[in-house]
Amino acid sequence: MIHFDLHEPVGLLWFGEFISPEQGWKHLTRRLFEYELMIVTEGVLFIGDEDREYEVRAGEYLLMSPTVFQHGTRVCRCRFYWMHFRCPALPASVSLPAQGKFRDAGAIRSIADRLSRAEAEEPRGIRSRYLATELLLELSAQSAADKREDRMHSPPEQLCERIKEFVFFHRFSDVKVRDIARELGYHEKYLSAVFHAHTGTTLKRYLIGQRLAEAQRLLLETNYTVAEVAYCLNFQTPHNFARFFKAETGMTAGEFRARGAPQTTDPA
């Protein structure tokens, strides 16, 4: 996500529409000192920076941050609006994915047409600056609407996989259901109900099971002391970890390690 402070209109530098030649065109190589927004309306734009290459198709946009190596990656035929501008990042009032889709091309075209006329009358004037800001806000609004729609229509199985992925990458933390709900943008009760319906396990029990499985792995595969295992898993004290482990397995962590054989339940 790229963040902008849009309490004031952006500092518009240049705006226009580009139509590539019939054949053999590739974006030039240069250093980009400001932000550039590219909104593709026809064809495919192949472009890159020092970190990655982008394939921007009709109905998509790319918001490129300042870079030392903006360059075309392949010959292409395309048509796109381009806008160079400057804008502070903080305090952030609007966030926009660096690359995304827009579904209301008419709204985008309307703003772009008005911006073109404003630029013809007074380049980089106050009207142009406000229209440039409106263009960013429109893309942000469409992106947010798409995200909400994706959440509403996200298949339960896919949502459960996202939950499991989040838990895996935060397995060394004391993850709560509310943390997952906040990250994924759902209500806690809804997440819990969907997860239970599709896995047969409550989300809270799954979290406990994953934490226990990681504790057992550390006990069997490392030379960490019990206190160090407790520290790795973000228990407040070794005593809290000892109580947790005994309650879940019926044995102490030391006894489990001595036996050398895990007694796990399938948390999924």
C-alpha atoms as a PDB file:
ATOM      1  CA  MET A   1       0.000   0.000   0.000  1.00  0.00           C
ATOM      2  CA  ILE A   2       1.112   3.535  -0.756  1.00  0.00           C
ATOM      3  CA  HIS A   3      -0.021   6.213   1.677  1.00  0.00           C
ATOM      4  CA  PHE A   4      -0.794   9.854   0.944  1.00  0.00           C
ATOM      5  CA  ASP A   5      -1.787  12.929   2.886  1.00  0.00           C
ATOM      6  CA  LEU A   6      -4.607  14.348   0.776  1.00  0.00           C
ATOM      7  CA  HIS A   7      -5.794  17.029   3.165  1.00  0.00           C
ATOM      8  CA  GLU A   8      -4.357  19.389   0.561  1.00  0.00           C
ATOM      9  CA  PRO A   9      -4.425  18.847  -3.224  1.00  0.00           C
ATOM     10  CA  VAL A  10      -1.467  16.979  -4.691  1.00  0.00           C
ATOM     11  CA  GLY A  11       1.394  18.786  -6.366  1.00  0.00           C
ATOM     12  CA  LEU A  12       0.582  17.979  -9.984  1.00  0.00           C
ATOM     13  CA  LEU A  13       3.545  18.114 -12.361  1.00  0.00           C
ATOM     14  CA  TRP A  14       2.316  16.654 -15.664  1.00  0.00           C
ATOM     15  CA  PHE A  15      -0.727  14.817 -16.946  1.00  0.00           C
ATOM     16  CA  GLY A  16      -1.543  13.330 -20.323  1.00  0.00           C
ATOM     17  CA  GLU A  17      -2.716  10.371 -22.352  1.00  0.00           C
ATOM     18  CA  PHE A  18      -0.293   8.207 -24.299  1.00  0.00           C
ATOM     19  CA  ILE A  19      -1.048   5.960 -27.275  1.00  0.00           C
ATOM     20  CA  SER A  20       1.851   3.725 -28.259  1.00  0.00           C
ATOM     21  CA  PRO A  21       3.015   3.536 -31.886  1.00  0.00           C
ATOM     22  CA  GLU A  22       1.875   0.648 -34.029  1.00  0.00           C
ATOM     23  CA  GLN A  23       4.911  -1.475 -33.209  1.00  0.00           C
ATOM     24  CA  GLY A  24       8.288  -1.510 -31.519  1.00  0.00           C
ATOM     25  CA  TRP A  25       7.494   0.798 -28.583  1.00  0.00           C
ATOM     26  CA  LYS A  26       8.978   0.172 -25.150  1.00  0.00           C
ATOM     27  CA  HIS A  27       8.867   2.535 -22.176  1.00  0.00           C
ATOM     28  CA  LEU A  28      12.023   4.592 -21.821  1.00  0.00           C
ATOM     29  CA  THR A  29      14.588   4.056 -19.070  1.00  0.00           C
ATOM     30  CA  ARG A  30      15.048   6.886 -16.589  1.00  0.00           C
ATOM     31  CA  ARG A  31      15.227   7.919 -12.970  1.00  0.00           C
ATOM     32  CA  LEU A  32      11.805   8.827 -11.583  1.00  0.00           C
ATOM     33  CA  PHE A  33      11.966  11.632  -9.029  1.00  0.00           C
ATOM     34  CA  GLU A  34       8.244  11.740  -8.197  1.00  0.00           C
ATOM     35  CA  TYR A  35       5.186   9.490  -8.164  1.00  0.00           C
ATOM     36  CA  GLU A  36       3.769   8.382 -11.495  1.00  0.00           C
ATOM     37  CA  LEU A  37       0.253   7.034 -11.908  1.00  0.00           C
ATOM     38  CA  MET A  38      -0.436   5.008 -15.061  1.00  0.00           C
ATOM     39  CA  ILE A  39      -4.037   4.021 -15.871  1.00  0.00           C
ATOM     40  CA  VAL A  40      -4.170   1.557 -18.760  1.00  0.00           C
ATOM     41  CA  THR A  41      -7.297   1.681 -20.936  1.00  0.00           C
ATOM     42  CA  GLU A  42      -6.147  -0.464 -23.875  1.00  0.00           C
ATOM     43  CA  GLY A  43      -3.552  -3.202 -24.341  1.00  0.00           C
ATOM     44  CA  VAL A  44      -0.834  -4.122 -21.855  1.00  0.00           C
ATOM     45  CA  LEU A  45       1.932  -1.956 -20.393  1.00  0.00           C
ATOM     46  CA  PHE A  46       5.169  -3.750 -19.495  1.00  0.00           C
ATOM     47  CA  ILE A  47       7.245  -1.682 -17.097  1.00  0.00           C
ATOM     48  CA  GLY A  48       9.565  -2.186 -14.136  1.00  0.00           C
ATOM     49  CA  ASP A  49      11.667  -0.587 -11.427  1.00  0.00           C
ATOM     50  CA  GLU A  50      14.752  -1.762  -9.551  1.00  0.00           C
ATOM     51  CA  ASP A  51      12.701  -4.214  -7.487  1.00  0.00           C
ATOM     52  CA  ARG A  52      10.310  -5.921  -9.886  1.00  0.00           C
ATOM     53  CA  GLU A  53       8.564  -6.020 -13.249  1.00  0.00           C
ATOM     54  CA  TYR A  54       4.898  -5.144 -13.781  1.00  0.00           C
ATOM     55  CA  GLU A  55       2.326  -6.244 -16.332  1.00  0.00           C
ATOM     56  CA  VAL A  56      -0.484  -3.688 -16.315  1.00  0.00           C
ATOM     57  CA  ARG A  57      -3.501  -4.647 -18.407  1.00  0.00           C
ATOM     58  CA  ALA A  58      -6.471  -2.622 -19.607  1.00  0.00           C
ATOM     59  CA  GLY A  59      -8.690  -1.916 -16.614  1.00  0.00           C
ATOM     60  CA  GLU A  60      -5.714  -1.759 -14.260  1.00  0.00           C
ATOM     61  CA  TYR A  61      -3.498   0.986 -12.884  1.00  0.00           C
ATOM     62  CA  LEU A  62       0.040   1.190 -11.548  1.00  0.00           C
ATOM     63  CA  LEU A  63       1.212   3.734  -9.008  1.00  0.00           C
ATOM     64  CA  MET A  64       4.995   3.850  -9.139  1.00  0.00           C
ATOM     65  CA  SER A  65       6.986   5.452  -6.339  1.00  0.00           C
ATOM     66  CA  PRO A  66      10.188   7.399  -7.016  1.00  0.00           C
ATOM     67  CA  THR A  67      12.811   5.000  -8.351  1.00  0.00           C
ATOM     68  CA  VAL A  68      16.316   5.107  -9.769  1.00  0.00           C
ATOM     69  CA  PHE A  69      15.445   2.635 -12.530  1.00  0.00           C
ATOM     70  CA  GLN A  70      12.081   3.025 -14.216  1.00  0.00           C
ATOM     71  CA  HIS A  71      12.255   1.079 -17.461  1.00  0.00           C
ATOM     72  CA  GLY A  72      10.242  -0.757 -20.068  1.00  0.00           C
ATOM     73  CA  THR A  73      10.611  -4.508 -19.788  1.00  0.00           C
ATOM     74  CA  ARG A  74       9.075  -5.542 -23.111  1.00  0.00           C
ATOM     75  CA  VAL A  75       7.851  -4.058 -26.354  1.00  0.00           C
ATOM     76  CA  CYS A  76       4.127  -3.388 -26.014  1.00  0.00           C
ATOM     77  CA  ARG A  77       1.075  -1.776 -27.554  1.00  0.00           C
ATOM     78  CA  CYS A  78      -1.112   0.113 -25.126  1.00  0.00           C
ATOM     79  CA  ARG A  79      -2.980   3.268 -24.279  1.00  0.00           C
ATOM     80  CA  PHE A  80      -2.866   4.864 -20.847  1.00  0.00           C
ATOM     81  CA  TYR A  81      -3.289   8.029 -18.837  1.00  0.00           C
ATOM     82  CA  TRP A  82      -0.141   9.121 -17.035  1.00  0.00           C
ATOM     83  CA  MET A  83       0.213  11.560 -14.173  1.00  0.00           C
ATOM     84  CA  HIS A  84       3.366  12.734 -12.428  1.00  0.00           C
ATOM     85  CA  PHE A  85       2.842  14.301  -9.028  1.00  0.00           C
ATOM     86  CA  ARG A  86       4.309  14.928  -5.604  1.00  0.00           C
ATOM     87  CA  CYS A  87       2.486  14.370  -2.335  1.00  0.00           C
ATOM     88  CA  PRO A  88       3.549  13.877   1.295  1.00  0.00           C
ATOM     89  CA  ALA A  89       2.998  10.419   2.741  1.00  0.00           C
ATOM     90  CA  LEU A  90       2.270  11.495   6.306  1.00  0.00           C
ATOM     91  CA  PRO A  91      -0.037  11.967   8.039  1.00  0.00           C
ATOM     92  CA  ALA A  92      -1.685   9.376   5.796  1.00  0.00           C
ATOM     93  CA  SER A  93      -5.320  10.064   4.948  1.00  0.00           C
ATOM     94  CA  VAL A  94      -5.624   7.767   1.906  1.00  0.00           C
ATOM     95  CA  SER A  95      -4.014   4.417   1.131  1.00  0.00           C
ATOM     96  CA  LEU A  96      -3.879   2.877  -2.312  1.00  0.00           C
ATOM     97  CA  PRO A  97      -2.435  -0.444  -3.505  1.00  0.00           C
ATOM     98  CA  ALA A  98       0.541   0.118  -5.797  1.00  0.00           C
ATOM     99  CA  GLN A  99      -1.218  -1.910  -8.482  1.00  0.00           C
ATOM    100  CA  GLY A 100      -4.901  -2.609  -8.813  1.00  0.00           C
ATOM    101  CA  LYS A 101      -8.013  -2.755 -10.959  1.00  0.00           C
ATOM    102  CA  PHE A 102     -10.726  -0.186 -11.580  1.00  0.00           C
ATOM    103  CA  ARG A 103     -14.205  -1.335 -12.498  1.00  0.00           C
ATOM    104  CA  ASP A 104     -15.883   1.990 -13.278  1.00  0.00           C
ATOM    105  CA  ALA A 105     -13.920   3.135 -16.317  1.00  0.00           C
ATOM    106  CA  GLY A 106     -16.512   5.827 -17.021  1.00  0.00           C
ATOM    107  CA  ALA A 107     -15.811   7.602 -13.745  1.00  0.00           C
ATOM    108  CA  ILE A 108     -12.071   7.469 -14.378  1.00  0.00           C
ATOM    109  CA  ARG A 109     -12.473   8.759 -17.941  1.00  0.00           C
ATOM    110  CA  SER A 110     -14.725  11.609 -16.798  1.00  0.00           C
ATOM    111  CA  ILE A 111     -12.164  12.875 -14.294  1.00  0.00           C
ATOM    112  CA  ALA A 112      -9.319  12.415 -16.776  1.00  0.00           C
ATOM    113  CA  ASP A 113     -11.165  14.397 -19.460  1.00  0.00           C
ATOM    114  CA  ARG A 114     -11.872  17.267 -17.071  1.00  0.00           C
ATOM    115  CA  LEU A 115      -8.265  17.209 -15.925  1.00  0.00           C
ATOM    116  CA  SER A 116      -7.060  17.368 -19.539  1.00  0.00           C
ATOM    117  CA  ARG A 117      -9.232  20.434 -20.179  1.00  0.00           C
ATOM    118  CA  ALA A 118      -8.083  22.090 -16.968  1.00  0.00           C
ATOM    119  CA  GLU A 119      -4.446  21.510 -17.908  1.00  0.00           C
ATOM    120  CA  ALA A 120      -5.035  23.022 -21.339  1.00  0.00           C
ATOM    121  CA  GLU A 121      -6.463  26.161 -19.732  1.00  0.00           C
ATOM    122  CA  GLU A 122      -4.010  26.544 -16.842  1.00  0.00           C
ATOM    123  CA  PRO A 123      -1.225  23.960 -16.500  1.00  0.00           C
ATOM    124  CA  ARG A 124      -0.716  22.844 -12.883  1.00  0.00           C
ATOM    125  CA  GLY A 125      -3.366  25.305 -11.738  1.00  0.00           C
ATOM    126  CA  ILE A 126      -5.482  24.837  -8.635  1.00  0.00           C
ATOM    127  CA  ARG A 127      -8.330  23.231 -10.617  1.00  0.00           C
ATOM    128  CA  SER A 128      -5.923  20.714 -12.117  1.00  0.00           C
ATOM    129  CA  ARG A 129      -4.481  19.926  -8.707  1.00  0.00           C
ATOM    130  CA  TYR A 130      -7.912  19.228  -7.232  1.00  0.00           C
ATOM    131  CA  LEU A 131      -8.889  17.047 -10.188  1.00  0.00           C
ATOM    132  CA  ALA A 132      -5.632  15.098  -9.862  1.00  0.00           C
ATOM    133  CA  THR A 133      -6.478  14.561  -6.214  1.00  0.00           C
ATOM    134  CA  GLU A 134     -10.000  13.481  -7.171  1.00  0.00           C
ATOM    135  CA  LEU A 135      -8.520  10.904  -9.542  1.00  0.00           C
ATOM    136  CA  LEU A 136      -6.511   9.332  -6.713  1.00  0.00           C
ATOM    137  CA  LEU A 137      -9.534   9.375  -4.421  1.00  0.00           C
ATOM    138  CA  GLU A 138     -11.688   7.706  -7.076  1.00  0.00           C
ATOM    139  CA  LEU A 139      -9.162   4.896  -7.528  1.00  0.00           C
ATOM    140  CA  SER A 140      -8.934   4.504  -3.758  1.00  0.00           C
ATOM    141  CA  ALA A 141     -12.730   4.306  -3.438  1.00  0.00           C
ATOM    142  CA  GLN A 142     -13.015   1.723  -6.222  1.00  0.00           C
ATOM    143  CA  SER A 143     -10.206  -0.328  -4.707  1.00  0.00           C
ATOM    144  CA  ALA A 144     -11.877  -0.278  -1.281  1.00  0.00           C
ATOM    145  CA  ALA A 145     -15.226  -1.283  -2.803  1.00  0.00           C
ATOM    146  CA  ASP A 146     -13.601  -4.218  -4.598  1.00  0.00           C
ATOM    147  CA  LYS A 147     -11.937  -5.306  -1.371  1.00  0.00           C
ATOM    148  CA  ARG A 148     -15.251  -5.230   0.504  1.00  0.00           C
ATOM    149  CA  GLU A 149     -16.931  -7.192  -2.276  1.00  0.00           C
ATOM    150  CA  ASP A 150     -14.135  -9.769  -2.280  1.00  0.00           C
ATOM    151  CA  ARG A 151     -14.594 -10.232   1.462  1.00  0.00           C
ATOM    152  CA  MET A 152     -18.346 -10.645   1.083  1.00  0.00           C
ATOM    153  CA  HIS A 153     -17.933 -13.278  -1.618  1.00  0.00           C
ATOM    154  CA  SER A 154     -14.828 -14.962  -0.230  1.00  0.00           C
ATOM    155  CA  PRO A 155     -15.489 -18.715  -0.192  1.00  0.00           C
ATOM    156  CA  PRO A 156     -15.444 -20.075   3.368  1.00  0.00           C
ATOM    157  CA  GLU A 157     -12.705 -22.544   2.431  1.00  0.00           C
ATOM    158  CA  GLN A 158     -10.530 -19.699   1.169  1.00  0.00           C
ATOM    159  CA  LEU A 159     -11.193 -17.698   4.316  1.00  0.00           C
ATOM    160  CA  CYS A 160     -10.180 -20.657   6.483  1.00  0.00           C
ATOM    161  CA  GLU A 161      -6.930 -20.968   4.536  1.00  0.00           C
ATOM    162  CA  ARG A 162      -6.231 -17.281   5.105  1.00  0.00           C
ATOM    163  CA  ILE A 163      -6.811 -17.794   8.819  1.00  0.00           C
ATOM    164  CA  LYS A 164      -4.429 -20.752   8.914  1.00  0.00           C
ATOM    165  CA  GLU A 165      -1.823 -18.818   6.971  1.00  0.00           C
ATOM    166  CA  PHE A 166      -2.041 -15.894   9.396  1.00  0.00           C
ATOM    167  CA  VAL A 167      -1.722 -18.212  12.391  1.00  0.00           C
ATOM    168  CA  PHE A 168       1.283 -19.963  10.846  1.00  0.00           C
ATOM    169  CA  PHE A 169       3.197 -16.744  10.248  1.00  0.00           C
ATOM    170  CA  HIS A 170       2.400 -15.562  13.782  1.00  0.00           C
ATOM    171  CA  ARG A 171       2.947 -18.911  15.487  1.00  0.00           C
ATOM    172  CA  PHE A 172       5.525 -17.467  17.867  1.00  0.00           C
ATOM    173  CA  SER A 173       3.042 -14.897  19.144  1.00  0.00           C
ATOM    174  CA  ASP A 174       0.124 -15.173  21.511  1.00  0.00           C
ATOM    175  CA  VAL A 175      -2.418 -14.751  18.708  1.00  0.00           C
ATOM    176  CA  LYS A 176      -6.027 -14.102  19.688  1.00  0.00           C
ATOM    177  CA  VAL A 177      -9.183 -14.397  17.606  1.00  0.00           C
ATOM    178  CA  ARG A 178      -9.546 -10.613  17.744  1.00  0.00           C
ATOM    179  CA  ASP A 179      -6.088 -10.217  16.151  1.00  0.00           C
ATOM    180  CA  ILE A 180      -7.105 -12.372  13.186  1.00  0.00           C
ATOM    181  CA  ALA A 181     -10.446 -10.582  12.865  1.00  0.00           C
ATOM    182  CA  ARG A 182      -8.763  -7.183  12.809  1.00  0.00           C
ATOM    183  CA  GLU A 183      -6.189  -8.289  10.234  1.00  0.00           C
ATOM    184  CA  LEU A 184      -8.682  -9.923   7.858  1.00  0.00           C
ATOM    185  CA  GLY A 185     -11.450  -7.368   8.321  1.00  0.00           C
ATOM    186  CA  TYR A 186     -14.195  -9.593   9.743  1.00  0.00           C
ATOM    187  CA  HIS A 187     -16.155  -9.744  12.980  1.00  0.00           C
ATOM    188  CA  GLU A 188     -14.750 -12.195  15.535  1.00  0.00           C
ATOM    189  CA  LYS A 189     -18.006 -14.155  15.803  1.00  0.00           C
ATOM    190  CA  TYR A 190     -18.321 -14.511  12.041  1.00  0.00           C
ATOM    191  CA  LEU A 191     -14.748 -15.780  11.692  1.00  0.00           C
ATOM    192  CA  SER A 192     -15.231 -18.256  14.506  1.00  0.00           C
ATOM    193  CA  ALA A 193     -18.519 -19.540  13.085  1.00  0.00           C
ATOM    194  CA  VAL A 194     -17.128 -20.019   9.563  1.00  0.00           C
ATOM    195  CA  PHE A 195     -13.998 -21.731  10.831  1.00  0.00           C
ATOM    196  CA  HIS A 196     -15.933 -24.107  13.068  1.00  0.00           C
ATOM    197  CA  ALA A 197     -18.435 -24.945  10.329  1.00  0.00           C
ATOM    198  CA  HIS A 198     -15.723 -25.867   7.836  1.00  0.00           C
ATOM    199  CA  THR A 199     -13.100 -27.501  10.055  1.00  0.00           C
ATOM    200  CA  GLY A 200     -15.132 -28.958  12.907  1.00  0.00           C
ATOM    201  CA  THR A 201     -12.782 -27.193  15.305  1.00  0.00           C
ATOM    202  CA  THR A 202     -13.352 -23.930  17.095  1.00  0.00           C
ATOM    203  CA  LEU A 203     -10.936 -21.189  16.154  1.00  0.00           C
ATOM    204  CA  LYS A 204      -9.845 -20.810  19.764  1.00  0.00           C
ATOM    205  CA  ARG A 205      -9.068 -24.534  19.981  1.00  0.00           C
ATOM    206  CA  TYR A 206      -7.149 -24.338  16.690  1.00  0.00           C
ATOM    207  CA  LEU A 207      -4.990 -21.528  18.065  1.00  0.00           C
ATOM    208  CA  ILE A 208      -4.255 -23.557  21.188  1.00  0.00           C
ATOM    209  CA  GLY A 209      -3.464 -26.632  19.104  1.00  0.00           C
ATOM    210  CA  GLN A 210      -1.056 -24.754  16.852  1.00  0.00           C
ATOM    211  CA  ARG A 211       0.736 -23.218  19.808  1.00  0.00           C
ATOM    212  CA  LEU A 212       1.010 -26.612  21.453  1.00  0.00           C
ATOM    213  CA  ALA A 213       2.320 -28.211  18.252  1.00  0.00           C
ATOM    214  CA  GLU A 214       5.021 -25.548  17.986  1.00  0.00           C
ATOM    215  CA  ALA A 215       5.967 -26.063  21.634  1.00  0.00           C
ATOM    216  CA  GLN A 216       6.287 -29.817  21.070  1.00  0.00           C
ATOM    217  CA  ARG A 217       8.403 -29.270  17.980  1.00  0.00           C
ATOM    218  CA  LEU A 218      10.785 -26.977  19.840  1.00  0.00           C
ATOM    219  CA  LEU A 219      11.077 -29.429  22.719  1.00  0.00           C
ATOM    220  CA  LEU A 220      11.914 -32.331  20.405  1.00  0.00           C
ATOM    221  CA  GLU A 221      13.978 -30.630  17.716  1.00  0.00           C
ATOM    222  CA  THR A 222      16.020 -28.079  19.671  1.00  0.00           C
ATOM    223  CA  ASN A 223      18.148 -27.962  22.792  1.00  0.00           C
ATOM    224  CA  TYR A 224      16.225 -25.009  24.184  1.00  0.00           C
ATOM    225  CA  THR A 225      15.455 -25.119  27.867  1.00  0.00           C
ATOM    226  CA  VAL A 226      11.803 -25.144  28.866  1.00  0.00           C
ATOM    227  CA  ALA A 227      12.162 -21.491  29.843  1.00  0.00           C
ATOM    228  CA  GLU A 228      13.595 -20.664  26.410  1.00  0.00           C
ATOM    229  CA  VAL A 229      10.715 -22.454  24.689  1.00  0.00           C
ATOM    230  CA  ALA A 230       8.301 -20.427  26.795  1.00  0.00           C
ATOM    231  CA  TYR A 231      10.116 -17.256  25.755  1.00  0.00           C
ATOM    232  CA  CYS A 232      10.031 -18.205  22.042  1.00  0.00           C
ATOM    233  CA  LEU A 233       6.276 -18.709  22.201  1.00  0.00           C
ATOM    234  CA  ASN A 234       5.698 -15.424  24.022  1.00  0.00           C
ATOM    235  CA  PHE A 235       4.377 -16.832  27.277  1.00  0.00           C
ATOM    236  CA  GLN A 236       4.578 -14.247  30.019  1.00  0.00           C
ATOM    237  CA  THR A 237       6.476 -16.590  32.334  1.00  0.00           C
ATOM    238  CA  PRO A 238       7.871 -20.157  32.191  1.00  0.00           C
ATOM    239  CA  HIS A 239       5.324 -21.023  34.867  1.00  0.00           C
ATOM    240  CA  ASN A 240       2.466 -19.994  32.566  1.00  0.00           C
ATOM    241  CA  PHE A 241       3.913 -22.180  29.831  1.00  0.00           C
ATOM    242  CA  ALA A 242       4.313 -25.115  32.220  1.00  0.00           C
ATOM    243  CA  ARG A 243       0.662 -24.869  33.271  1.00  0.00           C
ATOM    244  CA  PHE A 244      -0.473 -24.600  29.648  1.00  0.00           C
ATOM    245  CA  PHE A 245       1.554 -27.617  28.561  1.00  0.00           C
ATOM    246  CA  LYS A 246       0.471 -29.804  31.463  1.00  0.00           C
ATOM    247  CA  ALA A 247      -3.192 -28.911  30.942  1.00  0.00           C
ATOM    248  CA  GLU A 248      -3.041 -29.788  27.236  1.00  0.00           C
ATOM    249  CA  THR A 249      -0.930 -32.966  27.342  1.00  0.00           C
ATOM    250  CA  GLY A 250      -1.262 -34.313  30.856  1.00  0.00           C
ATOM    251  CA  MET A 251       2.512 -34.264  31.321  1.00  0.00           C
ATOM    252  CA  THR A 252       5.210 -31.710  31.956  1.00  0.00           C
ATOM    253  CA  ALA A 253       7.362 -30.359  29.167  1.00  0.00           C
ATOM    254  CA  GLY A 254      10.336 -32.201  30.654  1.00  0.00           C
ATOM    255  CA  GLU A 255       8.454 -35.501  30.676  1.00  0.00           C
ATOM    256  CA  PHE A 256       7.355 -34.987  27.086  1.00  0.00           C
ATOM    257  CA  ARG A 257      10.928 -34.329  25.974  1.00  0.00           C
ATOM    258  CA  ALA A 258      12.221 -37.361  27.859  1.00  0.00           C
ATOM    259  CA  ARG A 259       9.703 -39.638  26.150  1.00  0.00           C
ATOM    260  CA  GLY A 260      10.739 -38.248  22.789  1.00  0.00           C
ATOM    261  CA  ALA A 261       7.419 -39.042  21.147  1.00  0.00           C
ATOM    262  CA  PRO A 262       4.841 -36.343  20.425  1.00  0.00           C
ATOM    263  CA  GLN A 263       1.275 -36.728  21.562  1.00  0.00           C
ATOM    264  CA  THR A 264      -0.493 -34.292  19.329  1.00  0.00           C
ATOM    265  CA  THR A 265      -4.048 -33.832  18.280  1.00  0.00           C
ATOM    266  CA  ASP A 266      -4.955 -32.698  14.791  1.00  0.00           C
ATOM    267  CA  PRO A 267      -5.937 -29.046  15.317  1.00  0.00           C
ATOM    268  CA  ALA A 268      -7.366 -28.712  11.839  1.00  0.00           C
END
